[in-house]
Amino acid sequence: MKVTVSRKAHFNAAHRLYRKDWSFEKNDTIFGKCNNPNFHGHNYELIASVTGEIDPETGYVIDMKVLKDIIKSEVEVAFD
């Protein structure tokens, strides 16, 4: 029997939309608050789900600590 387990994570990411070949005024008109020289951020909620057979030995589809570590290394470290 297949089951799905999920883990939730929160992270923040910042960016700036800006073209060097445009004036500050044009960048500000086109990109608005995303043109802020100090960057502009967003808060995200990620839900990662894994579907599979339950391991009869452990009772796990995946060890939730392993899933947490994957989310941290592949998403949070890269984007937060």
C-alpha atoms as a PDB file:
ATOM      1  CA  MET A   1       0.000   0.000   0.000  1.00  0.00           C
ATOM      2  CA  LYS A   2       1.330   3.441  -0.936  1.00  0.00           C
ATOM      3  CA  VAL A   3       1.005   6.389   1.413  1.00  0.00           C
ATOM      4  CA  THR A   4       2.034  10.024   1.192  1.00  0.00           C
ATOM      5  CA  VAL A   5       3.885  11.919   3.911  1.00  0.00           C
ATOM      6  CA  SER A   6       4.445  15.673   3.824  1.00  0.00           C
ATOM      7  CA  ARG A   7       6.689  18.162   5.567  1.00  0.00           C
ATOM      8  CA  LYS A   8       6.180  21.924   5.718  1.00  0.00           C
ATOM      9  CA  ALA A   9       8.977  24.497   5.652  1.00  0.00           C
ATOM     10  CA  HIS A  10       9.075  28.293   5.589  1.00  0.00           C
ATOM     11  CA  PHE A  11      11.744  30.423   3.977  1.00  0.00           C
ATOM     12  CA  ASN A  12      12.327  33.981   2.792  1.00  0.00           C
ATOM     13  CA  ALA A  13      13.864  35.103  -0.480  1.00  0.00           C
ATOM     14  CA  ALA A  14      14.872  38.553  -1.697  1.00  0.00           C
ATOM     15  CA  HIS A  15      15.492  39.925  -5.152  1.00  0.00           C
ATOM     16  CA  ARG A  16      15.868  43.105  -7.128  1.00  0.00           C
ATOM     17  CA  LEU A  17      14.550  43.633 -10.630  1.00  0.00           C
ATOM     18  CA  TYR A  18      16.833  46.121 -12.357  1.00  0.00           C
ATOM     19  CA  ARG A  19      18.312  46.677 -15.797  1.00  0.00           C
ATOM     20  CA  LYS A  20      21.671  48.457 -15.897  1.00  0.00           C
ATOM     21  CA  ASP A  21      20.928  49.832 -19.352  1.00  0.00           C
ATOM     22  CA  TRP A  22      17.830  51.705 -18.057  1.00  0.00           C
ATOM     23  CA  SER A  23      17.703  54.848 -15.916  1.00  0.00           C
ATOM     24  CA  PHE A  24      16.667  54.572 -12.281  1.00  0.00           C
ATOM     25  CA  GLU A  25      13.390  56.294 -13.186  1.00  0.00           C
ATOM     26  CA  LYS A  26      12.552  53.777 -15.930  1.00  0.00           C
ATOM     27  CA  ASN A  27      13.457  50.854 -13.662  1.00  0.00           C
ATOM     28  CA  ASP A  28      11.259  52.342 -10.948  1.00  0.00           C
ATOM     29  CA  THR A  29       8.344  52.851 -13.350  1.00  0.00           C
ATOM     30  CA  ILE A  30       8.536  49.321 -14.763  1.00  0.00           C
ATOM     31  CA  PHE A  31       9.538  47.313 -11.686  1.00  0.00           C
ATOM     32  CA  GLY A  32       8.148  49.438  -8.825  1.00  0.00           C
ATOM     33  CA  LYS A  33       9.048  48.200  -5.328  1.00  0.00           C
ATOM     34  CA  CYS A  34      10.943  45.256  -6.855  1.00  0.00           C
ATOM     35  CA  ASN A  35      13.541  47.831  -8.017  1.00  0.00           C
ATOM     36  CA  ASN A  36      14.522  48.737  -4.431  1.00  0.00           C
ATOM     37  CA  PRO A  37      18.371  48.930  -4.207  1.00  0.00           C
ATOM     38  CA  ASN A  38      18.099  47.194  -0.800  1.00  0.00           C
ATOM     39  CA  PHE A  39      16.165  44.337  -2.399  1.00  0.00           C
ATOM     40  CA  HIS A  40      12.563  43.247  -2.003  1.00  0.00           C
ATOM     41  CA  GLY A  41      11.555  40.051  -0.224  1.00  0.00           C
ATOM     42  CA  HIS A  42       8.865  37.425  -0.145  1.00  0.00           C
ATOM     43  CA  ASN A  43       7.926  34.801   2.448  1.00  0.00           C
ATOM     44  CA  TYR A  44       7.226  31.309   1.187  1.00  0.00           C
ATOM     45  CA  GLU A  45       5.652  28.164   2.568  1.00  0.00           C
ATOM     46  CA  LEU A  46       6.833  24.917   1.008  1.00  0.00           C
ATOM     47  CA  ILE A  47       5.078  21.586   1.406  1.00  0.00           C
ATOM     48  CA  ALA A  48       7.173  18.671   0.178  1.00  0.00           C
ATOM     49  CA  SER A  49       5.401  15.339  -0.217  1.00  0.00           C
ATOM     50  CA  VAL A  50       6.833  11.869  -0.736  1.00  0.00           C
ATOM     51  CA  THR A  51       4.698   8.931  -1.848  1.00  0.00           C
ATOM     52  CA  GLY A  52       5.832   5.348  -1.522  1.00  0.00           C
ATOM     53  CA  GLU A  53       5.500   1.993   0.116  1.00  0.00           C
ATOM     54  CA  ILE A  54       5.886   1.759   3.878  1.00  0.00           C
ATOM     55  CA  ASP A  55       9.137   0.064   4.823  1.00  0.00           C
ATOM     56  CA  PRO A  56       8.067  -2.948   6.916  1.00  0.00           C
ATOM     57  CA  GLU A  57      11.213  -2.713   9.026  1.00  0.00           C
ATOM     58  CA  THR A  58      10.994   0.986   9.984  1.00  0.00           C
ATOM     59  CA  GLY A  59       7.339   1.799   9.363  1.00  0.00           C
ATOM     60  CA  TYR A  60       8.519   4.830   7.359  1.00  0.00           C
ATOM     61  CA  VAL A  61       7.998   5.906   3.777  1.00  0.00           C
ATOM     62  CA  ILE A  62      10.957   8.209   4.406  1.00  0.00           C
ATOM     63  CA  ASP A  63      12.679   9.247   7.605  1.00  0.00           C
ATOM     64  CA  MET A  64      11.274  12.741   8.265  1.00  0.00           C
ATOM     65  CA  LYS A  65      14.715  13.916   9.459  1.00  0.00           C
ATOM     66  CA  VAL A  66      16.119  12.935   6.061  1.00  0.00           C
ATOM     67  CA  LEU A  67      13.313  14.841   4.307  1.00  0.00           C
ATOM     68  CA  LYS A  68      13.947  17.867   6.558  1.00  0.00           C
ATOM     69  CA  ASP A  69      17.665  17.785   5.697  1.00  0.00           C
ATOM     70  CA  ILE A  70      16.911  17.552   1.956  1.00  0.00           C
ATOM     71  CA  ILE A  71      14.562  20.541   2.139  1.00  0.00           C
ATOM     72  CA  LYS A  72      17.172  22.499   4.094  1.00  0.00           C
ATOM     73  CA  SER A  73      20.064  21.771   1.715  1.00  0.00           C
ATOM     74  CA  GLU A  74      18.169  21.989  -1.572  1.00  0.00           C
ATOM     75  CA  VAL A  75      15.764  24.864  -0.837  1.00  0.00           C
ATOM     76  CA  GLU A  76      16.410  26.807   2.356  1.00  0.00           C
ATOM     77  CA  VAL A  77      20.185  27.132   1.972  1.00  0.00           C
ATOM     78  CA  ALA A  78      19.852  28.023  -1.711  1.00  0.00           C
ATOM     79  CA  PHE A  79      17.042  30.572  -1.422  1.00  0.00           C
ATOM     80  CA  ASP A  80      16.787  31.819   2.167  1.00  0.00           C
END
